[in-house]
Amino acid sequence: MRAIAIAAVLFAAAPAFADAPATRATLVDTAKAPAGRLIVDGAAWRCEGTSCTASGGSAQPAPRACRRVVARIGKVSAFAYKGTELTAEELAVCNAD
């Protein structure tokens, strides 16, 4: 009976995991893209070509998260952190050296 209760809880929680806000970046250049998983502020980043996605991560404003990621994997042409998409102006600041 206990196994059924645990399975029911996990089944009910599955949509919550599927609906997690998107955290993603599009790299300008793949030269600094990580070959495997890269942890930045608790977010586990994985890149395939210029497309990177992440799960997890600390609670912080998207512009700050962008700067922290850019410092590790290079400039981005698009960035969203936990569902917050950066504007062109915010991307320019994020990518500033």
PDB file of N, CA and C in Angstrom:
ATOM      1  N   MET A   1       0.815  -1.194   0.000  1.00  0.00           N
ATOM      2  CA  MET A   1       0.000   0.000   0.000  1.00  0.00           C
ATOM      3  C   MET A   1       0.864   1.265   0.000  1.00  0.00           C
ATOM      4  N   ARG A   2       1.958   1.203   0.740  1.00  0.00           N
ATOM      5  CA  ARG A   2       2.859   2.350   0.807  1.00  0.00           C
ATOM      6  C   ARG A   2       3.434   2.672  -0.575  1.00  0.00           C
ATOM      7  N   ALA A   3       3.797   1.648  -1.341  1.00  0.00           N
ATOM      8  CA  ALA A   3       4.347   1.851  -2.683  1.00  0.00           C
ATOM      9  C   ALA A   3       3.335   2.534  -3.591  1.00  0.00           C
ATOM     10  N   ILE A   4       2.067   2.184  -3.449  1.00  0.00           N
ATOM     11  CA  ILE A   4       1.017   2.808  -4.261  1.00  0.00           C
ATOM     12  C   ILE A   4       0.891   4.284  -3.905  1.00  0.00           C
ATOM     13  N   ALA A   5       0.957   4.602  -2.621  1.00  0.00           N
ATOM     14  CA  ALA A   5       0.856   5.993  -2.185  1.00  0.00           C
ATOM     15  C   ALA A   5       2.031   6.816  -2.716  1.00  0.00           C
ATOM     16  N   ILE A   6       3.237   6.261  -2.661  1.00  0.00           N
ATOM     17  CA  ILE A   6       4.414   6.967  -3.164  1.00  0.00           C
ATOM     18  C   ILE A   6       4.300   7.167  -4.670  1.00  0.00           C
ATOM     19  N   ALA A   7       3.870   6.148  -5.377  1.00  0.00           N
ATOM     20  CA  ALA A   7       3.704   6.258  -6.827  1.00  0.00           C
ATOM     21  C   ALA A   7       2.670   7.320  -7.177  1.00  0.00           C
ATOM     22  N   ALA A   8       1.601   7.400  -6.407  1.00  0.00           N
ATOM     23  CA  ALA A   8       0.558   8.403  -6.667  1.00  0.00           C
ATOM     24  C   ALA A   8       1.097   9.814  -6.469  1.00  0.00           C
ATOM     25  N   VAL A   9       1.898  10.006  -5.431  1.00  0.00           N
ATOM     26  CA  VAL A   9       2.488  11.324  -5.177  1.00  0.00           C
ATOM     27  C   VAL A   9       3.439  11.711  -6.312  1.00  0.00           C
ATOM     28  N   LEU A  10       4.277  10.788  -6.731  1.00  0.00           N
ATOM     29  CA  LEU A  10       5.213  11.067  -7.819  1.00  0.00           C
ATOM     30  C   LEU A  10       4.481  11.344  -9.126  1.00  0.00           C
ATOM     31  N   PHE A  11       3.424  10.605  -9.390  1.00  0.00           N
ATOM     32  CA  PHE A  11       2.640  10.807 -10.604  1.00  0.00           C
ATOM     33  C   PHE A  11       1.986  12.184 -10.589  1.00  0.00           C
ATOM     34  N   ALA A  12       1.475  12.591  -9.450  1.00  0.00           N
ATOM     35  CA  ALA A  12       0.835  13.907  -9.341  1.00  0.00           C
ATOM     36  C   ALA A  12       1.850  15.034  -9.468  1.00  0.00           C
ATOM     37  N   ALA A  13       3.077  14.815  -9.041  1.00  0.00           N
ATOM     38  CA  ALA A  13       4.102  15.855  -9.090  1.00  0.00           C
ATOM     39  C   ALA A  13       4.745  15.974 -10.467  1.00  0.00           C
ATOM     40  N   ALA A  14       4.622  14.969 -11.309  1.00  0.00           N
ATOM     41  CA  ALA A  14       5.280  14.976 -12.626  1.00  0.00           C
ATOM     42  C   ALA A  14       4.944  16.204 -13.462  1.00  0.00           C
ATOM     43  N   PRO A  15       3.677  16.658 -13.537  1.00  0.00           N
ATOM     44  CA  PRO A  15       3.405  17.857 -14.338  1.00  0.00           C
ATOM     45  C   PRO A  15       4.128  19.100 -13.820  1.00  0.00           C
ATOM     46  N   ALA A  16       4.361  19.187 -12.539  1.00  0.00           N
ATOM     47  CA  ALA A  16       5.069  20.338 -11.977  1.00  0.00           C
ATOM     48  C   ALA A  16       6.497  20.385 -12.493  1.00  0.00           C
ATOM     49  N   PHE A  17       7.138  19.230 -12.616  1.00  0.00           N
ATOM     50  CA  PHE A  17       8.497  19.194 -13.146  1.00  0.00           C
ATOM     51  C   PHE A  17       8.498  19.527 -14.631  1.00  0.00           C
ATOM     52  N   ALA A  18       7.509  19.070 -15.360  1.00  0.00           N
ATOM     53  CA  ALA A  18       7.434  19.321 -16.801  1.00  0.00           C
ATOM     54  C   ALA A  18       7.185  20.795 -17.099  1.00  0.00           C
ATOM     55  N   ASP A  19       6.513  21.506 -16.193  1.00  0.00           N
ATOM     56  CA  ASP A  19       6.166  22.900 -16.406  1.00  0.00           C
ATOM     57  C   ASP A  19       7.179  23.872 -15.816  1.00  0.00           C
ATOM     58  N   ALA A  20       8.360  23.385 -15.457  1.00  0.00           N
ATOM     59  CA  ALA A  20       9.370  24.265 -14.886  1.00  0.00           C
ATOM     60  C   ALA A  20       9.744  25.342 -15.906  1.00  0.00           C
ATOM     61  N   PRO A  21       9.920  26.581 -15.455  1.00  0.00           N
ATOM     62  CA  PRO A  21      10.282  27.656 -16.380  1.00  0.00           C
ATOM     63  C   PRO A  21      11.581  27.349 -17.115  1.00  0.00           C
ATOM     64  N   ALA A  22      11.639  27.783 -18.344  1.00  0.00           N
ATOM     65  CA  ALA A  22      12.792  27.486 -19.199  1.00  0.00           C
ATOM     66  C   ALA A  22      14.015  28.296 -18.802  1.00  0.00           C
ATOM     67  N   THR A  23      15.141  27.616 -18.771  1.00  0.00           N
ATOM     68  CA  THR A  23      16.438  28.258 -18.598  1.00  0.00           C
ATOM     69  C   THR A  23      17.273  27.816 -19.779  1.00  0.00           C
ATOM     70  N   ARG A  24      17.619  28.791 -20.631  1.00  0.00           N
ATOM     71  CA  ARG A  24      18.332  28.441 -21.857  1.00  0.00           C
ATOM     72  C   ARG A  24      19.182  29.614 -22.338  1.00  0.00           C
ATOM     73  N   ALA A  25      20.146  29.283 -23.169  1.00  0.00           N
ATOM     74  CA  ALA A  25      21.015  30.294 -23.771  1.00  0.00           C
ATOM     75  C   ALA A  25      21.376  29.843 -25.175  1.00  0.00           C
ATOM     76  N   THR A  26      21.567  30.818 -26.041  1.00  0.00           N
ATOM     77  CA  THR A  26      22.073  30.549 -27.383  1.00  0.00           C
ATOM     78  C   THR A  26      23.443  31.202 -27.482  1.00  0.00           C
ATOM     79  N   LEU A  27      24.453  30.386 -27.705  1.00  0.00           N
ATOM     80  CA  LEU A  27      25.826  30.881 -27.754  1.00  0.00           C
ATOM     81  C   LEU A  27      26.118  31.575 -29.079  1.00  0.00           C
ATOM     82  N   VAL A  28      26.933  32.616 -29.019  1.00  0.00           N
ATOM     83  CA  VAL A  28      27.401  33.291 -30.228  1.00  0.00           C
ATOM     84  C   VAL A  28      28.479  32.435 -30.882  1.00  0.00           C
ATOM     85  N   ASP A  29      29.342  31.832 -30.063  1.00  0.00           N
ATOM     86  CA  ASP A  29      30.458  31.021 -30.552  1.00  0.00           C
ATOM     87  C   ASP A  29      30.574  29.793 -29.659  1.00  0.00           C
ATOM     88  N   THR A  30      30.713  28.637 -30.259  1.00  0.00           N
ATOM     89  CA  THR A  30      30.778  27.403 -29.473  1.00  0.00           C
ATOM     90  C   THR A  30      32.172  27.101 -28.922  1.00  0.00           C
ATOM     91  N   ALA A  31      33.137  27.980 -29.136  1.00  0.00           N
ATOM     92  CA  ALA A  31      34.516  27.715 -28.707  1.00  0.00           C
ATOM     93  C   ALA A  31      34.637  27.429 -27.210  1.00  0.00           C
ATOM     94  N   LYS A  32      33.851  28.124 -26.375  1.00  0.00           N
ATOM     95  CA  LYS A  32      33.943  27.918 -24.924  1.00  0.00           C
ATOM     96  C   LYS A  32      32.823  27.030 -24.377  1.00  0.00           C
ATOM     97  N   ALA A  33      32.032  26.464 -25.273  1.00  0.00           N
ATOM     98  CA  ALA A  33      30.919  25.609 -24.823  1.00  0.00           C
ATOM     99  C   ALA A  33      31.462  24.397 -24.074  1.00  0.00           C
ATOM    100  N   PRO A  34      30.844  24.060 -22.963  1.00  0.00           N
ATOM    101  CA  PRO A  34      31.324  22.902 -22.206  1.00  0.00           C
ATOM    102  C   PRO A  34      31.056  21.598 -22.964  1.00  0.00           C
ATOM    103  N   ALA A  35      31.984  20.669 -22.858  1.00  0.00           N
ATOM    104  CA  ALA A  35      31.823  19.369 -23.508  1.00  0.00           C
ATOM    105  C   ALA A  35      30.801  18.514 -22.765  1.00  0.00           C
ATOM    106  N   GLY A  36      30.704  18.702 -21.482  1.00  0.00           N
ATOM    107  CA  GLY A  36      29.753  17.954 -20.660  1.00  0.00           C
ATOM    108  C   GLY A  36      28.916  18.914 -19.855  1.00  0.00           C
ATOM    109  N   ARG A  37      28.568  18.508 -18.663  1.00  0.00           N
ATOM    110  CA  ARG A  37      27.759  19.344 -17.784  1.00  0.00           C
ATOM    111  C   ARG A  37      28.632  20.397 -17.113  1.00  0.00           C
ATOM    112  N   LEU A  38      28.094  21.603 -16.988  1.00  0.00           N
ATOM    113  CA  LEU A  38      28.785  22.702 -16.324  1.00  0.00           C
ATOM    114  C   LEU A  38      27.838  23.291 -15.283  1.00  0.00           C
ATOM    115  N   ILE A  39      28.296  23.405 -14.047  1.00  0.00           N
ATOM    116  CA  ILE A  39      27.478  23.968 -12.976  1.00  0.00           C
ATOM    117  C   ILE A  39      27.842  25.433 -12.797  1.00  0.00           C
ATOM    118  N   VAL A  40      26.831  26.309 -12.896  1.00  0.00           N
ATOM    119  CA  VAL A  40      27.005  27.738 -12.648  1.00  0.00           C
ATOM    120  C   VAL A  40      25.908  28.163 -11.675  1.00  0.00           C
ATOM    121  N   ASP A  41      26.288  28.574 -10.484  1.00  0.00           N
ATOM    122  CA  ASP A  41      25.339  28.995  -9.442  1.00  0.00           C
ATOM    123  C   ASP A  41      24.239  27.968  -9.211  1.00  0.00           C
ATOM    124  N   GLY A  42      24.611  26.712  -9.211  1.00  0.00           N
ATOM    125  CA  GLY A  42      23.665  25.642  -8.933  1.00  0.00           C
ATOM    126  C   GLY A  42      22.867  25.163 -10.134  1.00  0.00           C
ATOM    127  N   ALA A  43      22.986  25.828 -11.266  1.00  0.00           N
ATOM    128  CA  ALA A  43      22.293  25.398 -12.484  1.00  0.00           C
ATOM    129  C   ALA A  43      23.209  24.472 -13.275  1.00  0.00           C
ATOM    130  N   ALA A  44      22.683  23.329 -13.675  1.00  0.00           N
ATOM    131  CA  ALA A  44      23.448  22.366 -14.462  1.00  0.00           C
ATOM    132  C   ALA A  44      23.213  22.646 -15.948  1.00  0.00           C
ATOM    133  N   TRP A  45      24.211  23.207 -16.604  1.00  0.00           N
ATOM    134  CA  TRP A  45      24.130  23.576 -18.014  1.00  0.00           C
ATOM    135  C   TRP A  45      24.666  22.459 -18.894  1.00  0.00           C
ATOM    136  N   ARG A  46      23.986  22.232 -20.010  1.00  0.00           N
ATOM    137  CA  ARG A  46      24.431  21.302 -21.051  1.00  0.00           C
ATOM    138  C   ARG A  46      24.246  21.998 -22.388  1.00  0.00           C
ATOM    139  N   CYS A  47      25.253  21.905 -23.234  1.00  0.00           N
ATOM    140  CA  CYS A  47      25.190  22.567 -24.538  1.00  0.00           C
ATOM    141  C   CYS A  47      25.322  21.545 -25.653  1.00  0.00           C
ATOM    142  N   GLU A  48      24.602  21.810 -26.711  1.00  0.00           N
ATOM    143  CA  GLU A  48      24.703  21.034 -27.944  1.00  0.00           C
ATOM    144  C   GLU A  48      24.768  22.043 -29.077  1.00  0.00           C
ATOM    145  N   GLY A  49      25.945  22.191 -29.644  1.00  0.00           N
ATOM    146  CA  GLY A  49      26.140  23.243 -30.641  1.00  0.00           C
ATOM    147  C   GLY A  49      26.042  24.595 -29.955  1.00  0.00           C
ATOM    148  N   THR A  50      25.209  25.479 -30.490  1.00  0.00           N
ATOM    149  CA  THR A  50      25.042  26.801 -29.886  1.00  0.00           C
ATOM    150  C   THR A  50      23.889  26.845 -28.887  1.00  0.00           C
ATOM    151  N   SER A  51      23.154  25.760 -28.757  1.00  0.00           N
ATOM    152  CA  SER A  51      21.973  25.720 -27.885  1.00  0.00           C
ATOM    153  C   SER A  51      22.319  25.100 -26.528  1.00  0.00           C
ATOM    154  N   CYS A  52      22.084  25.863 -25.460  1.00  0.00           N
ATOM    155  CA  CYS A  52      22.356  25.390 -24.102  1.00  0.00           C
ATOM    156  C   CYS A  52      21.080  25.450 -23.275  1.00  0.00           C
ATOM    157  N   THR A  53      20.894  24.466 -22.420  1.00  0.00           N
ATOM    158  CA  THR A  53      19.759  24.446 -21.499  1.00  0.00           C
ATOM    159  C   THR A  53      20.284  24.124 -20.106  1.00  0.00           C
ATOM    160  N   ALA A  54      19.498  24.503 -19.113  1.00  0.00           N
ATOM    161  CA  ALA A  54      19.912  24.242 -17.729  1.00  0.00           C
ATOM    162  C   ALA A  54      18.718  23.852 -16.887  1.00  0.00           C
ATOM    163  N   SER A  55      19.022  23.144 -15.821  1.00  0.00           N
ATOM    164  CA  SER A  55      18.015  22.826 -14.818  1.00  0.00           C
ATOM    165  C   SER A  55      18.560  23.244 -13.465  1.00  0.00           C
ATOM    166  N   GLY A  56      17.655  23.612 -12.578  1.00  0.00           N
ATOM    167  CA  GLY A  56      18.064  24.051 -11.250  1.00  0.00           C
ATOM    168  C   GLY A  56      18.586  25.470 -11.284  1.00  0.00           C
ATOM    169  N   GLY A  57      19.326  25.807 -10.269  1.00  0.00           N
ATOM    170  CA  GLY A  57      19.922  27.139 -10.198  1.00  0.00           C
ATOM    171  C   GLY A  57      19.399  27.930  -9.024  1.00  0.00           C
ATOM    172  N   SER A  58      20.223  28.852  -8.567  1.00  0.00           N
ATOM    173  CA  SER A  58      19.858  29.675  -7.417  1.00  0.00           C
ATOM    174  C   SER A  58      18.864  30.756  -7.818  1.00  0.00           C
ATOM    175  N   ALA A  59      18.178  31.280  -6.834  1.00  0.00           N
ATOM    176  CA  ALA A  59      17.236  32.376  -7.062  1.00  0.00           C
ATOM    177  C   ALA A  59      18.041  33.664  -7.228  1.00  0.00           C
ATOM    178  N   GLN A  60      17.995  34.224  -8.417  1.00  0.00           N
ATOM    179  CA  GLN A  60      18.705  35.458  -8.707  1.00  0.00           C
ATOM    180  C   GLN A  60      18.069  36.095  -9.933  1.00  0.00           C
ATOM    181  N   PRO A  61      18.275  37.369 -10.133  1.00  0.00           N
ATOM    182  CA  PRO A  61      17.720  38.026 -11.314  1.00  0.00           C
ATOM    183  C   PRO A  61      18.347  37.448 -12.592  1.00  0.00           C
ATOM    184  N   ALA A  62      17.570  37.384 -13.649  1.00  0.00           N
ATOM    185  CA  ALA A  62      18.047  36.839 -14.922  1.00  0.00           C
ATOM    186  C   ALA A  62      19.278  37.569 -15.453  1.00  0.00           C
ATOM    187  N   PRO A  63      19.347  38.918 -15.375  1.00  0.00           N
ATOM    188  CA  PRO A  63      20.560  39.584 -15.874  1.00  0.00           C
ATOM    189  C   PRO A  63      21.837  39.143 -15.146  1.00  0.00           C
ATOM    190  N   ARG A  64      21.741  38.932 -13.848  1.00  0.00           N
ATOM    191  CA  ARG A  64      22.921  38.473 -13.099  1.00  0.00           C
ATOM    192  C   ARG A  64      23.284  37.056 -13.513  1.00  0.00           C
ATOM    193  N   ALA A  65      22.281  36.199 -13.640  1.00  0.00           N
ATOM    194  CA  ALA A  65      22.545  34.823 -14.068  1.00  0.00           C
ATOM    195  C   ALA A  65      23.218  34.822 -15.427  1.00  0.00           C
ATOM    196  N   CYS A  66      22.775  35.698 -16.319  1.00  0.00           N
ATOM    197  CA  CYS A  66      23.368  35.802 -17.648  1.00  0.00           C
ATOM    198  C   CYS A  66      24.849  36.168 -17.553  1.00  0.00           C
ATOM    199  N   ARG A  67      25.171  37.172 -16.782  1.00  0.00           N
ATOM    200  CA  ARG A  67      26.578  37.587 -16.645  1.00  0.00           C
ATOM    201  C   ARG A  67      27.443  36.451 -16.115  1.00  0.00           C
ATOM    202  N   ARG A  68      26.909  35.695 -15.154  1.00  0.00           N
ATOM    203  CA  ARG A  68      27.667  34.587 -14.574  1.00  0.00           C
ATOM    204  C   ARG A  68      27.895  33.475 -15.607  1.00  0.00           C
ATOM    205  N   VAL A  69      26.882  33.217 -16.427  1.00  0.00           N
ATOM    206  CA  VAL A  69      27.008  32.181 -17.459  1.00  0.00           C
ATOM    207  C   VAL A  69      27.965  32.641 -18.555  1.00  0.00           C
ATOM    208  N   VAL A  70      27.824  33.875 -19.005  1.00  0.00           N
ATOM    209  CA  VAL A  70      28.690  34.411 -20.063  1.00  0.00           C
ATOM    210  C   VAL A  70      30.160  34.376 -19.634  1.00  0.00           C
ATOM    211  N   ALA A  71      30.424  34.626 -18.379  1.00  0.00           N
ATOM    212  CA  ALA A  71      31.803  34.575 -17.884  1.00  0.00           C
ATOM    213  C   ALA A  71      32.402  33.178 -18.044  1.00  0.00           C
ATOM    214  N   ARG A  72      31.558  32.163 -18.051  1.00  0.00           N
ATOM    215  CA  ARG A  72      32.045  30.783 -18.136  1.00  0.00           C
ATOM    216  C   ARG A  72      31.993  30.194 -19.543  1.00  0.00           C
ATOM    217  N   ILE A  73      30.971  30.548 -20.336  1.00  0.00           N
ATOM    218  CA  ILE A  73      30.819  29.888 -21.640  1.00  0.00           C
ATOM    219  C   ILE A  73      30.800  30.838 -22.830  1.00  0.00           C
ATOM    220  N   GLY A  74      30.991  32.117 -22.597  1.00  0.00           N
ATOM    221  CA  GLY A  74      31.075  33.057 -23.708  1.00  0.00           C
ATOM    222  C   GLY A  74      29.777  33.787 -23.987  1.00  0.00           C
ATOM    223  N   LYS A  75      29.848  34.711 -24.935  1.00  0.00           N
ATOM    224  CA  LYS A  75      28.719  35.589 -25.252  1.00  0.00           C
ATOM    225  C   LYS A  75      27.520  34.815 -25.781  1.00  0.00           C
ATOM    226  N   VAL A  76      26.333  35.395 -25.527  1.00  0.00           N
ATOM    227  CA  VAL A  76      25.080  34.761 -25.928  1.00  0.00           C
ATOM    228  C   VAL A  76      24.269  35.712 -26.806  1.00  0.00           C
ATOM    229  N   SER A  77      23.480  35.133 -27.698  1.00  0.00           N
ATOM    230  CA  SER A  77      22.585  35.940 -28.529  1.00  0.00           C
ATOM    231  C   SER A  77      21.157  35.892 -28.007  1.00  0.00           C
ATOM    232  N   ALA A  78      20.885  34.979 -27.076  1.00  0.00           N
ATOM    233  CA  ALA A  78      19.584  34.888 -26.414  1.00  0.00           C
ATOM    234  C   ALA A  78      19.808  34.254 -25.047  1.00  0.00           C
ATOM    235  N   PHE A  79      18.983  34.651 -24.067  1.00  0.00           N
ATOM    236  CA  PHE A  79      19.140  34.109 -22.722  1.00  0.00           C
ATOM    237  C   PHE A  79      17.815  34.200 -21.978  1.00  0.00           C
ATOM    238  N   ALA A  80      17.426  33.110 -21.349  1.00  0.00           N
ATOM    239  CA  ALA A  80      16.240  33.077 -20.494  1.00  0.00           C
ATOM    240  C   ALA A  80      16.611  32.330 -19.221  1.00  0.00           C
ATOM    241  N   TYR A  81      16.221  32.885 -18.086  1.00  0.00           N
ATOM    242  CA  TYR A  81      16.522  32.255 -16.797  1.00  0.00           C
ATOM    243  C   TYR A  81      15.236  32.075 -16.018  1.00  0.00           C
ATOM    244  N   LYS A  82      14.887  30.807 -15.816  1.00  0.00           N
ATOM    245  CA  LYS A  82      13.675  30.457 -15.077  1.00  0.00           C
ATOM    246  C   LYS A  82      12.456  31.182 -15.641  1.00  0.00           C
ATOM    247  N   GLY A  83      12.386  31.223 -16.965  1.00  0.00           N
ATOM    248  CA  GLY A  83      11.235  31.794 -17.647  1.00  0.00           C
ATOM    249  C   GLY A  83      11.320  33.268 -17.977  1.00  0.00           C
ATOM    250  N   THR A  84      12.345  33.968 -17.494  1.00  0.00           N
ATOM    251  CA  THR A  84      12.505  35.399 -17.780  1.00  0.00           C
ATOM    252  C   THR A  84      13.470  35.574 -18.942  1.00  0.00           C
ATOM    253  N   GLU A  85      12.943  36.051 -20.076  1.00  0.00           N
ATOM    254  CA  GLU A  85      13.732  36.265 -21.293  1.00  0.00           C
ATOM    255  C   GLU A  85      14.366  37.653 -21.250  1.00  0.00           C
ATOM    256  N   LEU A  86      15.654  37.737 -21.534  1.00  0.00           N
ATOM    257  CA  LEU A  86      16.326  39.032 -21.547  1.00  0.00           C
ATOM    258  C   LEU A  86      16.022  39.787 -22.833  1.00  0.00           C
ATOM    259  N   THR A  87      15.932  41.108 -22.713  1.00  0.00           N
ATOM    260  CA  THR A  87      15.728  41.980 -23.869  1.00  0.00           C
ATOM    261  C   THR A  87      17.076  42.180 -24.582  1.00  0.00           C
ATOM    262  N   ALA A  88      17.027  42.812 -25.747  1.00  0.00           N
ATOM    263  CA  ALA A  88      18.253  43.096 -26.494  1.00  0.00           C
ATOM    264  C   ALA A  88      19.189  43.976 -25.686  1.00  0.00           C
ATOM    265  N   GLU A  89      18.626  44.963 -24.977  1.00  0.00           N
ATOM    266  CA  GLU A  89      19.451  45.849 -24.156  1.00  0.00           C
ATOM    267  C   GLU A  89      20.097  45.085 -23.003  1.00  0.00           C
ATOM    268  N   GLU A  90      19.346  44.201 -22.366  1.00  0.00           N
ATOM    269  CA  GLU A  90      19.894  43.424 -21.262  1.00  0.00           C
ATOM    270  C   GLU A  90      20.982  42.468 -21.767  1.00  0.00           C
ATOM    271  N   LEU A  91      20.785  41.905 -22.973  1.00  0.00           N
ATOM    272  CA  LEU A  91      21.803  41.036 -23.551  1.00  0.00           C
ATOM    273  C   LEU A  91      23.091  41.798 -23.828  1.00  0.00           C
ATOM    274  N   ALA A  92      22.967  43.034 -24.300  1.00  0.00           N
ATOM    275  CA  ALA A  92      24.153  43.857 -24.563  1.00  0.00           C
ATOM    276  C   ALA A  92      24.953  44.081 -23.291  1.00  0.00           C
ATOM    277  N   VAL A  93      24.270  44.366 -22.192  1.00  0.00           N
ATOM    278  CA  VAL A  93      24.938  44.555 -20.903  1.00  0.00           C
ATOM    279  C   VAL A  93      25.557  43.234 -20.442  1.00  0.00           C
ATOM    280  N   CYS A  94      24.821  42.159 -20.604  1.00  0.00           N
ATOM    281  CA  CYS A  94      25.310  40.842 -20.194  1.00  0.00           C
ATOM    282  C   CYS A  94      26.585  40.476 -20.928  1.00  0.00           C
ATOM    283  N   ASN A  95      26.645  40.760 -22.209  1.00  0.00           N
ATOM    284  CA  ASN A  95      27.788  40.389 -23.035  1.00  0.00           C
ATOM    285  C   ASN A  95      28.953  41.369 -22.973  1.00  0.00           C
ATOM    286  N   ALA A  96      28.766  42.505 -22.298  1.00  0.00           N
ATOM    287  CA  ALA A  96      29.839  43.512 -22.225  1.00  0.00           C
ATOM    288  C   ALA A  96      31.052  42.934 -21.516  1.00  0.00           C
ATOM    289  N   ASP A  97      32.217  43.245 -22.052  1.00  0.00           N
ATOM    290  CA  ASP A  97      33.469  42.731 -21.444  1.00  0.00           C
ATOM    291  C   ASP A  97      33.806  43.487 -20.243  1.00  0.00           C
TER     292      ASP A  97
END
